C-alpha atoms as a PDB file:
ATOM      1  CA  MET A   1      20.332   9.376  -3.544  1.00  0.00           C
ATOM      2  CA  PHE A   2      19.785   5.836  -4.848  1.00  0.00           C
ATOM      3  CA  PRO A   3      17.143   6.052  -7.605  1.00  0.00           C
ATOM      4  CA  GLN A   4      16.645   2.280  -7.717  1.00  0.00           C
ATOM      5  CA  LEU A   5      16.107   1.915  -3.958  1.00  0.00           C
ATOM      6  CA  PRO A   6      12.282   2.203  -4.105  1.00  0.00           C
ATOM      7  CA  THR A   7      12.128  -0.590  -6.695  1.00  0.00           C
ATOM      8  CA  TRP A   8      14.542  -2.740  -4.671  1.00  0.00           C
ATOM      9  CA  LEU A   9      12.356  -2.232  -1.595  1.00  0.00           C
ATOM     10  CA  THR A  10       9.382  -3.431  -3.623  1.00  0.00           C
ATOM     11  CA  TRP A  11      11.350  -6.484  -4.776  1.00  0.00           C
ATOM     12  CA  SER A  12      12.297  -7.136  -1.139  1.00  0.00           C
ATOM     13  CA  ARG A  13       8.616  -7.746  -0.312  1.00  0.00           C
ATOM     14  CA  ILE A  14       8.516 -10.509  -2.893  1.00  0.00           C
ATOM     15  CA  VAL A  15      11.745 -11.986  -1.475  1.00  0.00           C
ATOM     16  CA  MET A  16      10.186 -11.877   2.001  1.00  0.00           C
ATOM     17  CA  ILE A  17       7.433 -14.301   0.971  1.00  0.00           C
ATOM     18  CA  PRO A  18       9.528 -17.480   1.205  1.00  0.00           C
ATOM     19  CA  LEU A  19      11.075 -16.139   4.421  1.00  0.00           C
ATOM     20  CA  LEU A  20       7.576 -15.622   5.822  1.00  0.00           C
ATOM     21  CA  VAL A  21       6.603 -19.195   4.935  1.00  0.00           C
ATOM     22  CA  LEU A  22       9.886 -20.671   6.226  1.00  0.00           C
ATOM     23  CA  ALA A  23       9.558 -18.826   9.528  1.00  0.00           C
ATOM     24  CA  PHE A  24       5.919 -19.837   9.946  1.00  0.00           C
ATOM     25  CA  TYR A  25       6.489 -23.529   9.290  1.00  0.00           C
ATOM     26  CA  GLY A  26      10.176 -23.853  10.146  1.00  0.00           C
ATOM     27  CA  LEU A  27       9.990 -22.590  13.707  1.00  0.00           C
ATOM     28  CA  SER A  28       7.868 -24.111  16.431  1.00  0.00           C
ATOM     29  CA  MET A  29       4.735 -22.221  17.423  1.00  0.00           C
ATOM     30  CA  PRO A  30       4.293 -19.610  18.758  1.00  0.00           C
ATOM     31  CA  GLN A  31       7.758 -18.417  17.655  1.00  0.00           C
ATOM     32  CA  GLY A  32       7.055 -19.205  13.991  1.00  0.00           C
ATOM     33  CA  GLY A  33       3.949 -17.045  13.981  1.00  0.00           C
ATOM     34  CA  ILE A  34       5.667 -14.214  15.816  1.00  0.00           C
ATOM     35  CA  VAL A  35       8.640 -14.175  13.432  1.00  0.00           C
ATOM     36  CA  ALA A  36       6.265 -14.395  10.444  1.00  0.00           C
ATOM     37  CA  ALA A  37       4.289 -11.450  11.860  1.00  0.00           C
ATOM     38  CA  ILE A  38       7.480  -9.423  12.198  1.00  0.00           C
ATOM     39  CA  ILE A  39       8.454 -10.234   8.596  1.00  0.00           C
ATOM     40  CA  PHE A  40       4.948  -9.225   7.485  1.00  0.00           C
ATOM     41  CA  ALA A  41       5.236  -5.945   9.418  1.00  0.00           C
ATOM     42  CA  LEU A  42       8.641  -5.293   7.847  1.00  0.00           C
ATOM     43  CA  ALA A  43       7.052  -5.837   4.438  1.00  0.00           C
ATOM     44  CA  GLY A  44       4.423  -3.247   5.364  1.00  0.00           C
ATOM     45  CA  VAL A  45       7.156  -0.761   6.271  1.00  0.00           C
ATOM     46  CA  THR A  46       8.911  -1.335   2.932  1.00  0.00           C
ATOM     47  CA  ASP A  47       5.587  -0.779   1.172  1.00  0.00           C
ATOM     48  CA  TRP A  48       5.218   2.625   2.779  1.00  0.00           C
ATOM     49  CA  LEU A  49       8.915   3.475   2.377  1.00  0.00           C
ATOM     50  CA  ASP A  50       9.207   2.592  -1.316  1.00  0.00           C
ATOM     51  CA  GLY A  51       6.279   4.826  -2.232  1.00  0.00           C
ATOM     52  CA  TYR A  52       7.496   7.653  -0.015  1.00  0.00           C
ATOM     53  CA  LEU A  53      11.019   7.571  -1.426  1.00  0.00           C
ATOM     54  CA  ALA A  54       9.874   7.270  -5.031  1.00  0.00           C
ATOM     55  CA  ARG A  55       7.673  10.366  -4.671  1.00  0.00           C
ATOM     56  CA  ARG A  56      10.162  12.307  -2.543  1.00  0.00           C
ATOM     57  CA  TRP A  57      13.068  11.629  -4.896  1.00  0.00           C
ATOM     58  CA  GLU A  58      10.828  11.923  -7.967  1.00  0.00           C
ATOM     59  CA  VAL A  59      11.951   8.524  -9.252  1.00  0.00           C
ATOM     60  CA  THR A  60       8.549   6.980  -9.834  1.00  0.00           C
ATOM     61  CA  SER A  61       8.380   4.608 -12.762  1.00  0.00           C
ATOM     62  CA  ARG A  62       5.729   2.742 -14.670  1.00  0.00           C
ATOM     63  CA  PHE A  63       7.416  -0.529 -13.730  1.00  0.00           C
ATOM     64  CA  GLY A  64       7.452   0.449 -10.043  1.00  0.00           C
ATOM     65  CA  ALA A  65       3.776   1.426 -10.244  1.00  0.00           C
ATOM     66  CA  PHE A  66       3.075  -2.027 -11.694  1.00  0.00           C
ATOM     67  CA  LEU A  67       5.301  -4.024  -9.314  1.00  0.00           C
ATOM     68  CA  ASP A  68       4.210  -2.356  -6.051  1.00  0.00           C
ATOM     69  CA  PRO A  69       0.620  -3.650  -5.980  1.00  0.00           C
ATOM     70  CA  VAL A  70       1.767  -7.046  -7.283  1.00  0.00           C
ATOM     71  CA  ALA A  71       4.206  -7.396  -4.373  1.00  0.00           C
ATOM     72  CA  ASP A  72       1.476  -6.304  -1.947  1.00  0.00           C
ATOM     73  CA  LYS A  73      -1.048  -8.804  -3.267  1.00  0.00           C
ATOM     74  CA  LEU A  74       1.461 -11.664  -3.276  1.00  0.00           C
ATOM     75  CA  ILE A  75       2.551 -11.222   0.338  1.00  0.00           C
ATOM     76  CA  VAL A  76      -1.020 -10.670   1.551  1.00  0.00           C
ATOM     77  CA  ALA A  77      -2.230 -13.795  -0.269  1.00  0.00           C
ATOM     78  CA  ALA A  78       0.682 -15.848   1.108  1.00  0.00           C
ATOM     79  CA  ALA A  79       0.039 -14.634   4.661  1.00  0.00           C
ATOM     80  CA  LEU A  80      -3.697 -15.336   4.386  1.00  0.00           C
ATOM     81  CA  VAL A  81      -2.984 -18.867   3.171  1.00  0.00           C
ATOM     82  CA  LEU A  82      -0.751 -19.410   6.215  1.00  0.00           C
ATOM     83  CA  VAL A  83      -3.420 -18.057   8.563  1.00  0.00           C
ATOM     84  CA  VAL A  84      -6.126 -20.265   7.042  1.00  0.00           C
ATOM     85  CA  ASP A  85      -3.871 -23.328   7.045  1.00  0.00           C
ATOM     86  CA  HIS A  86      -3.112 -22.858  10.731  1.00  0.00           C
ATOM     87  CA  ASN A  87      -6.718 -21.884  11.629  1.00  0.00           C
ATOM     88  CA  PRO A  88      -9.040 -23.718   9.239  1.00  0.00           C
ATOM     89  CA  GLU A  89     -12.203 -22.034  10.463  1.00  0.00           C
ATOM     90  CA  LEU A  90     -15.084 -21.220   8.122  1.00  0.00           C
ATOM     91  CA  GLY A  91     -15.172 -17.479   8.878  1.00  0.00           C
ATOM     92  CA  ILE A  92     -11.442 -16.992   8.447  1.00  0.00           C
ATOM     93  CA  ALA A  93     -11.413 -19.050   5.235  1.00  0.00           C
ATOM     94  CA  LEU A  94     -14.347 -17.117   3.751  1.00  0.00           C
ATOM     95  CA  ALA A  95     -12.790 -13.769   4.652  1.00  0.00           C
ATOM     96  CA  ALA A  96      -9.491 -14.831   3.060  1.00  0.00           C
ATOM     97  CA  ILE A  97     -11.278 -15.981  -0.105  1.00  0.00           C
ATOM     98  CA  VAL A  98     -13.174 -12.689  -0.332  1.00  0.00           C
ATOM     99  CA  ILE A  99      -9.972 -10.661   0.077  1.00  0.00           C
ATOM    100  CA  ILE A 100      -7.904 -12.702  -2.379  1.00  0.00           C
ATOM    101  CA  GLY A 101     -10.794 -12.936  -4.863  1.00  0.00           C
ATOM    102  CA  ARG A 102     -11.345  -9.186  -4.758  1.00  0.00           C
ATOM    103  CA  GLU A 103      -7.681  -8.536  -5.461  1.00  0.00           C
ATOM    104  CA  ILE A 104      -7.827 -10.765  -8.527  1.00  0.00           C
ATOM    105  CA  ALA A 105     -11.070  -9.183  -9.744  1.00  0.00           C
ATOM    106  CA  ILE A 106      -9.892  -5.591  -9.224  1.00  0.00           C
ATOM    107  CA  SER A 107      -6.539  -6.303 -10.879  1.00  0.00           C
ATOM    108  CA  ALA A 108      -8.382  -7.657 -13.902  1.00  0.00           C
ATOM    109  CA  LEU A 109     -10.773  -4.684 -13.847  1.00  0.00           C
ATOM    110  CA  ARG A 110      -7.888  -2.186 -13.741  1.00  0.00           C
ATOM    111  CA  GLU A 111      -6.180  -3.958 -16.632  1.00  0.00           C
ATOM    112  CA  TRP A 112      -9.385  -3.894 -18.667  1.00  0.00           C
ATOM    113  CA  MET A 113     -10.025  -0.226 -17.792  1.00  0.00           C
ATOM    114  CA  ALA A 114      -6.476   0.658 -18.884  1.00  0.00           C
ATOM    115  CA  GLU A 115      -7.122  -1.057 -22.215  1.00  0.00           C
ATOM    116  CA  VAL A 116     -10.300   0.923 -22.802  1.00  0.00           C
ATOM    117  CA  GLY A 117      -8.768   4.194 -21.547  1.00  0.00           C
ATOM    118  CA  GLY A 118     -10.626   4.468 -18.259  1.00  0.00           C
ATOM    119  CA  SER A 119      -7.989   3.646 -15.647  1.00  0.00           C
ATOM    120  CA  ALA A 120      -8.344   7.021 -13.906  1.00  0.00           C
ATOM    121  CA  LYS A 121     -11.959   6.185 -13.118  1.00  0.00           C
ATOM    122  CA  VAL A 122     -10.870   3.249 -10.927  1.00  0.00           C
ATOM    123  CA  ALA A 123      -8.639   5.082  -8.463  1.00  0.00           C
ATOM    124  CA  VAL A 124      -8.124   4.002  -4.851  1.00  0.00           C
ATOM    125  CA  SER A 125     -10.973   5.175  -2.587  1.00  0.00           C
ATOM    126  CA  TRP A 126     -10.949   5.913   1.142  1.00  0.00           C
ATOM    127  CA  VAL A 127     -12.864   2.644   1.707  1.00  0.00           C
ATOM    128  CA  GLY A 128      -9.984   0.815   0.042  1.00  0.00           C
ATOM    129  CA  LYS A 129      -7.465   2.555   2.286  1.00  0.00           C
ATOM    130  CA  VAL A 130      -9.407   1.687   5.460  1.00  0.00           C
ATOM    131  CA  LYS A 131      -9.795  -1.876   4.158  1.00  0.00           C
ATOM    132  CA  THR A 132      -6.072  -2.152   3.562  1.00  0.00           C
ATOM    133  CA  THR A 133      -5.253  -0.864   7.046  1.00  0.00           C
ATOM    134  CA  ALA A 134      -7.705  -3.259   8.721  1.00  0.00           C
ATOM    135  CA  GLN A 135      -6.421  -6.119   6.577  1.00  0.00           C
ATOM    136  CA  MET A 136      -2.742  -5.490   7.322  1.00  0.00           C
ATOM    137  CA  VAL A 137      -3.281  -5.127  11.075  1.00  0.00           C
ATOM    138  CA  ALA A 138      -5.544  -8.202  11.063  1.00  0.00           C
ATOM    139  CA  ILE A 139      -2.983 -10.359   9.281  1.00  0.00           C
ATOM    140  CA  PHE A 140      -0.209  -9.200  11.608  1.00  0.00           C
ATOM    141  CA  LEU A 141      -2.313 -10.050  14.679  1.00  0.00           C
ATOM    142  CA  LEU A 142      -3.471 -13.394  13.244  1.00  0.00           C
ATOM    143  CA  LEU A 143       0.103 -14.415  12.468  1.00  0.00           C
ATOM    144  CA  TRP A 144       1.325 -13.247  15.890  1.00  0.00           C
ATOM    145  CA  ALA A 145      -1.628 -14.985  17.596  1.00  0.00           C
ATOM    146  CA  GLU A 146      -0.167 -14.665  21.096  1.00  0.00           C
ATOM    147  CA  PRO A 147      -1.588 -12.165  23.610  1.00  0.00           C
ATOM    148  CA  ILE A 148       0.212  -8.835  23.746  1.00  0.00           C
ATOM    149  CA  VAL A 149      -0.021  -7.157  27.174  1.00  0.00           C
ATOM    150  CA  GLY A 150      -3.041  -9.326  27.891  1.00  0.00           C
ATOM    151  CA  LEU A 151      -4.920  -8.370  24.720  1.00  0.00           C
ATOM    152  CA  PRO A 152      -6.434 -11.252  22.750  1.00  0.00           C
ATOM    153  CA  THR A 153      -4.538 -10.530  19.540  1.00  0.00           C
ATOM    154  CA  PHE A 154      -5.974 -13.459  17.622  1.00  0.00           C
ATOM    155  CA  LEU A 155      -9.570 -12.479  18.407  1.00  0.00           C
ATOM    156  CA  ILE A 156      -8.911  -8.827  17.560  1.00  0.00           C
ATOM    157  CA  GLY A 157      -7.213  -9.929  14.338  1.00  0.00           C
ATOM    158  CA  GLU A 158     -10.138 -12.175  13.472  1.00  0.00           C
ATOM    159  CA  TRP A 159     -12.666  -9.348  13.870  1.00  0.00           C
ATOM    160  CA  LEU A 160     -10.465  -6.970  11.894  1.00  0.00           C
ATOM    161  CA  LEU A 161     -10.231  -9.602   9.148  1.00  0.00           C
ATOM    162  CA  TYR A 162     -14.036  -9.777   9.006  1.00  0.00           C
ATOM    163  CA  LEU A 163     -14.175  -5.971   8.834  1.00  0.00           C
ATOM    164  CA  ALA A 164     -11.568  -5.998   6.060  1.00  0.00           C
ATOM    165  CA  ALA A 165     -13.579  -8.621   4.145  1.00  0.00           C
ATOM    166  CA  ALA A 166     -16.765  -6.534   4.444  1.00  0.00           C
ATOM    167  CA  LEU A 167     -14.936  -3.389   3.303  1.00  0.00           C
ATOM    168  CA  THR A 168     -13.390  -5.460   0.524  1.00  0.00           C
ATOM    169  CA  LEU A 169     -16.851  -6.220  -0.826  1.00  0.00           C
ATOM    170  CA  VAL A 170     -17.914  -2.567  -0.523  1.00  0.00           C
ATOM    171  CA  SER A 171     -14.821  -1.305  -2.341  1.00  0.00           C
ATOM    172  CA  MET A 172     -15.164  -3.975  -5.033  1.00  0.00           C
ATOM    173  CA  ILE A 173     -18.763  -2.924  -5.667  1.00  0.00           C
ATOM    174  CA  GLN A 174     -17.641   0.732  -5.837  1.00  0.00           C
ATOM    175  CA  TYR A 175     -14.957  -0.128  -8.386  1.00  0.00           C
ATOM    176  CA  MET A 176     -17.318  -2.243 -10.465  1.00  0.00           C
ATOM    177  CA  LEU A 177     -20.016   0.450 -10.502  1.00  0.00           C
ATOM    178  CA  ALA A 178     -17.478   3.149 -11.412  1.00  0.00           C
ATOM    179  CA  ALA A 179     -16.207   0.991 -14.266  1.00  0.00           C
ATOM    180  CA  ALA A 180     -19.724   0.222 -15.496  1.00  0.00           C
ATOM    181  CA  ARG A 181     -20.691   3.919 -15.429  1.00  0.00           C
ATOM    182  CA  SER A 182     -17.614   4.899 -17.399  1.00  0.00           C
ATOM    183  CA  GLN A 183     -18.550   2.659 -20.318  1.00  0.00           C
END
């Protein structure tokens, strides 16, 4: 057993960010987008794996619990910036702003709730989990952008991004109301 492995997997997501950007801009399209999508998917696997291993090996830590969502938010924000830069459409830009803005707001809310002793009241909800799934699949498809077995991946990704943005607003409202009720 390697007790530091879950934390190193979390750190690897942060290290993947410049690789994601270099692949996206450094390779010609569509290869740059495809490689970036693969890097993003690998980051998603490390996200699942670090949490699984930390719980399975009972090596969870306060630092790991802090770093994990930070790594997630950083790579998601970086990927959304790439998607918007390559596809500067109003709907995609607004959805990206909603998602990134919500992450900032909820991070600040969780920090404030921890200060006032109410962090347990702002736990992850099922809406947040569905939002995260839609968001991750959307970003993968938007980065990939090329049809897969004839499926319009970019269009599917775009609609999933809009769904993720809508669920983002719903989950943010849930968190805000829970925090307000706890005070």
